[in-house]
Amino acid sequence: MKTIHIMVGGPESELPDITTYDKTIPWIGVDRGAIRLIERGITPISAMGDFDSLSKTELEHLKTITTVTEFPAEKDETDTEIGLQWALKQNPETIRIFGATGGRLDHLLANLMMLMQPRFLPDIAKIELIDRYNYIKMYTPGEYTVSRLPDKKYVAFTTMANVEGLTLTGFKYPLTNAKYPFGAALSSNEFIAETGTFSFQTGLILFIQSND
């Protein structure tokens, strides 16, 4: 599988229109995310989680449709971490996670910080978080060319560790060999063409394309 989509249980109001994505890409459902897929006419190839947000009837119905792996509610991993770990074992080129942002702040922070865990960091380039307003991806040091998403206006670079050598080209507010500490939010930038390039030497950057 070159690409895997994961639907988790964040607020439904924050979901993009998933019907615009390639229908041949396999989906997995995490917790209530599995029900959301079924409601949209998508059968997940697998469903996993503690399913504490599902009624007994919903869970039994889910078991008649796809393979369900249940985990205890009291565990050391979040349901999203379980889904991501399963997806990585399939060795895809891209993993898109939907329903991981919006709503409870603790869930949002857990899903963002999840990308920085040592077990996921080597595969960070594969992982994208997508909602109605935002496209989110984490980057390790290197040089990257990124394309402007047609429905997004703004670009942000947030430092998730101390960053050195940050250079931005092809953006409204360029930079050359800049240095920022952990927690700097370089927001409300914009593409000036269809692509832009950024590079940095040390640290981690959370890259966001967004719209109002």
Protein backbone atom coordinates (compact mmCIF):
# COMPACT_ATOMS: atom_id res chain seq x y z
CA MET A 1 0.00 0.00 0.00
CA LYS A 2 1.57 3.30 -1.10
CA THR A 3 -0.86 5.42 0.94
CA ILE A 4 -3.01 4.69 3.99
CA HIS A 5 -5.72 6.93 5.39
CA ILE A 6 -6.56 6.88 9.10
CA MET A 7 -9.80 8.29 10.46
CA VAL A 8 -9.78 8.97 14.21
CA GLY A 9 -12.48 10.30 16.48
CA GLY A 10 -12.03 14.08 16.59
CA PRO A 11 -14.92 16.51 16.04
CA GLU A 12 -16.90 15.82 12.90
CA SER A 13 -17.19 19.56 12.24
CA GLU A 14 -13.42 19.69 11.64
CA LEU A 15 -13.32 17.00 8.95
CA PRO A 16 -12.62 17.91 5.31
CA ASP A 17 -14.66 16.47 2.46
CA ILE A 18 -13.04 13.05 2.27
CA THR A 19 -14.98 12.14 -0.89
CA THR A 20 -12.44 14.22 -2.82
CA TYR A 21 -9.69 11.68 -2.07
CA ASP A 22 -8.83 8.69 -4.24
CA LYS A 23 -11.39 5.99 -3.44
CA THR A 24 -8.85 3.20 -4.00
CA ILE A 25 -6.74 4.30 -1.02
CA PRO A 26 -7.40 1.99 1.97
CA TRP A 27 -8.79 3.43 5.20
CA ILE A 28 -8.49 2.25 8.78
CA GLY A 29 -10.84 3.43 11.48
CA VAL A 30 -9.69 4.31 14.99
CA ASP A 31 -12.35 4.27 17.69
CA ARG A 32 -15.34 6.35 16.53
CA GLY A 33 -13.49 7.11 13.32
CA ALA A 34 -14.54 3.69 12.05
CA ILE A 35 -18.23 4.61 12.38
CA ARG A 36 -17.65 7.92 10.64
CA LEU A 37 -16.19 6.10 7.66
CA ILE A 38 -19.16 3.74 7.45
CA GLU A 39 -21.54 6.69 7.64
CA ARG A 40 -19.76 8.08 4.57
CA GLY A 41 -20.02 4.85 2.62
CA ILE A 42 -16.42 3.77 3.24
CA THR A 43 -15.63 0.34 4.66
CA PRO A 44 -12.35 0.41 6.60
CA ILE A 45 -9.97 -2.48 6.02
CA SER A 46 -9.49 -2.61 9.79
CA ALA A 47 -10.79 -0.90 12.94
CA MET A 48 -8.95 -0.60 16.22
CA GLY A 49 -9.07 1.17 19.56
CA ASP A 50 -10.80 0.89 22.93
CA PHE A 51 -14.12 1.95 21.34
CA ASP A 52 -15.21 3.69 24.52
CA SER A 53 -17.09 6.24 22.40
CA LEU A 54 -19.24 3.57 20.70
CA SER A 55 -22.42 2.01 21.98
CA LYS A 56 -22.55 -1.78 22.29
CA THR A 57 -24.86 -1.89 19.26
CA GLU A 58 -22.49 0.21 17.16
CA LEU A 59 -19.53 -1.97 18.08
CA GLU A 60 -21.36 -5.20 17.29
CA HIS A 61 -22.44 -3.77 13.93
CA LEU A 62 -18.86 -2.73 13.20
CA LYS A 63 -17.69 -6.29 13.82
CA THR A 64 -19.99 -7.55 11.07
CA ILE A 65 -18.38 -5.20 8.55
CA THR A 66 -14.62 -5.29 9.14
CA THR A 67 -11.85 -6.73 11.28
CA VAL A 68 -11.99 -5.17 14.75
CA THR A 69 -9.11 -5.18 17.24
CA GLU A 70 -10.14 -4.08 20.72
CA PHE A 71 -7.79 -2.60 23.33
CA PRO A 72 -8.48 -1.85 26.99
CA ALA A 73 -9.45 1.71 27.89
CA GLU A 74 -6.60 1.84 30.43
CA LYS A 75 -3.45 1.53 28.33
CA ASP A 76 -0.13 3.25 27.72
CA GLU A 77 -0.92 4.28 24.13
CA THR A 78 -3.62 6.47 22.67
CA ASP A 79 -5.92 5.00 20.05
CA THR A 80 -4.32 7.26 17.44
CA GLU A 81 -0.85 5.94 18.32
CA ILE A 82 -2.15 2.39 17.92
CA GLY A 83 -3.56 3.21 14.50
CA LEU A 84 -0.39 4.96 13.36
CA GLN A 85 1.80 2.10 14.53
CA TRP A 86 -0.36 -0.39 12.63
CA ALA A 87 -0.21 1.73 9.49
CA LEU A 88 3.58 2.05 9.64
CA LYS A 89 3.92 -1.72 9.78
CA GLN A 90 2.34 -1.83 6.30
CA ASN A 91 5.35 0.22 5.07
CA PRO A 92 3.42 2.85 3.07
CA GLU A 93 4.97 5.91 1.46
CA THR A 94 2.32 8.26 2.90
CA ILE A 95 0.00 8.17 5.91
CA ARG A 96 -2.78 10.75 6.15
CA ILE A 97 -4.55 11.14 9.48
CA PHE A 98 -8.00 12.75 9.65
CA GLY A 99 -9.97 13.71 12.76
CA ALA A 100 -6.87 14.20 14.91
CA THR A 101 -7.26 17.96 15.44
CA GLY A 102 -9.91 20.27 16.84
CA GLY A 103 -12.01 19.81 19.95
CA ARG A 104 -10.19 18.85 23.14
CA LEU A 105 -6.81 20.54 23.51
CA ASP A 106 -5.28 17.54 25.26
CA HIS A 107 -6.14 15.37 22.24
CA LEU A 108 -4.71 17.96 19.85
CA LEU A 109 -1.45 18.24 21.79
CA ALA A 110 -1.17 14.48 22.16
CA ASN A 111 -1.54 14.00 18.41
CA LEU A 112 1.01 16.71 17.56
CA MET A 113 3.55 15.53 20.15
CA MET A 114 3.02 11.95 18.99
CA LEU A 115 4.98 12.76 15.83
CA MET A 116 8.05 13.57 17.95
CA GLN A 117 8.17 10.23 19.74
CA PRO A 118 11.41 8.33 19.00
CA ARG A 119 9.52 5.36 17.55
CA PHE A 120 7.71 7.57 15.01
CA LEU A 121 10.40 10.15 14.30
CA PRO A 122 12.25 8.05 11.66
CA ASP A 123 9.04 7.92 9.60
CA ILE A 124 7.96 11.51 10.21
CA ALA A 125 8.24 12.41 6.52
CA LYS A 126 5.42 9.97 5.72
CA ILE A 127 2.83 11.42 8.10
CA GLU A 128 0.29 14.17 7.35
CA LEU A 129 -2.49 15.50 9.59
CA ILE A 130 -5.42 16.97 7.71
CA ASP A 131 -8.58 18.75 8.80
CA ARG A 132 -11.08 21.18 7.32
CA TYR A 133 -8.80 24.19 7.77
CA ASN A 134 -5.26 22.81 8.11
CA TYR A 135 -2.64 20.62 6.49
CA ILE A 136 0.08 19.71 9.02
CA LYS A 137 3.41 17.97 8.60
CA MET A 138 6.59 17.73 10.68
CA TYR A 139 10.05 18.07 9.16
CA THR A 140 13.54 17.09 10.30
CA PRO A 141 16.63 19.02 9.10
CA GLY A 142 17.14 19.15 5.35
CA GLU A 143 16.01 21.02 2.25
CA TYR A 144 12.43 20.72 1.01
CA THR A 145 10.26 21.97 -1.83
CA VAL A 146 6.58 22.22 -0.92
CA SER A 147 3.58 22.90 -3.15
CA ARG A 148 0.79 25.33 -2.34
CA LEU A 149 -2.52 23.59 -1.70
CA PRO A 150 -5.21 25.24 -3.83
CA ASP A 151 -7.66 25.74 -0.96
CA LYS A 152 -5.09 27.10 1.51
CA LYS A 153 -3.85 30.70 1.82
CA TYR A 154 -1.47 30.80 4.77
CA VAL A 155 1.78 29.04 5.63
CA ALA A 156 3.32 28.68 9.10
CA PHE A 157 6.62 27.33 10.36
CA THR A 158 6.63 26.46 14.07
CA THR A 159 9.85 25.36 15.73
CA MET A 160 9.36 22.19 17.76
CA ALA A 161 13.01 22.28 18.88
CA ASN A 162 15.78 24.84 18.62
CA VAL A 163 16.23 25.56 14.90
CA GLU A 164 19.34 26.88 13.17
CA GLY A 165 19.99 27.82 9.55
CA LEU A 166 16.35 28.36 8.57
CA THR A 167 16.05 29.67 5.02
CA LEU A 168 12.73 30.34 3.26
CA THR A 169 12.45 31.11 -0.46
CA GLY A 170 9.33 31.49 -2.56
CA PHE A 171 7.34 32.93 0.33
CA LYS A 172 6.02 36.43 1.05
CA TYR A 173 8.32 36.71 4.07
CA PRO A 174 11.65 35.07 3.19
CA LEU A 175 14.45 34.21 5.59
CA THR A 176 18.15 33.49 5.25
CA ASN A 177 20.08 31.37 7.73
CA ALA A 178 17.85 32.39 10.66
CA LYS A 179 17.94 30.97 14.17
CA TYR A 180 14.92 30.43 16.42
CA PRO A 181 14.43 28.76 19.81
CA PHE A 182 11.87 26.06 20.49
CA GLY A 183 8.32 27.42 20.36
CA ALA A 184 8.72 30.17 17.76
CA ALA A 185 5.56 30.45 15.62
CA LEU A 186 6.32 31.99 12.24
CA SER A 187 2.70 32.29 11.14
CA SER A 188 0.67 34.07 8.45
CA ASN A 189 3.28 33.66 5.73
CA GLU A 190 2.14 32.98 2.16
CA PHE A 191 3.38 31.37 -1.05
CA ILE A 192 4.28 33.82 -3.83
CA ALA A 193 4.21 31.04 -6.44
CA GLU A 194 2.92 27.48 -6.66
CA THR A 195 5.94 26.12 -4.79
CA GLY A 196 8.32 27.29 -2.10
CA THR A 197 11.56 25.96 -0.64
CA PHE A 198 12.77 25.86 2.93
CA SER A 199 15.81 24.39 4.61
CA PHE A 200 17.28 24.20 8.10
CA GLN A 201 20.26 22.56 9.75
CA THR A 202 19.10 21.56 13.24
CA GLY A 203 15.83 21.05 15.11
CA LEU A 204 12.27 20.19 14.09
CA ILE A 205 9.70 22.25 12.22
CA LEU A 206 5.93 21.88 12.22
CA PHE A 207 4.77 23.06 8.79
CA ILE A 208 1.15 24.15 8.37
CA GLN A 209 -0.89 25.28 5.40
CA SER A 210 -4.20 26.76 6.47
CA ASN A 211 -7.24 28.79 5.51
CA ASP A 212 -9.80 30.82 7.46
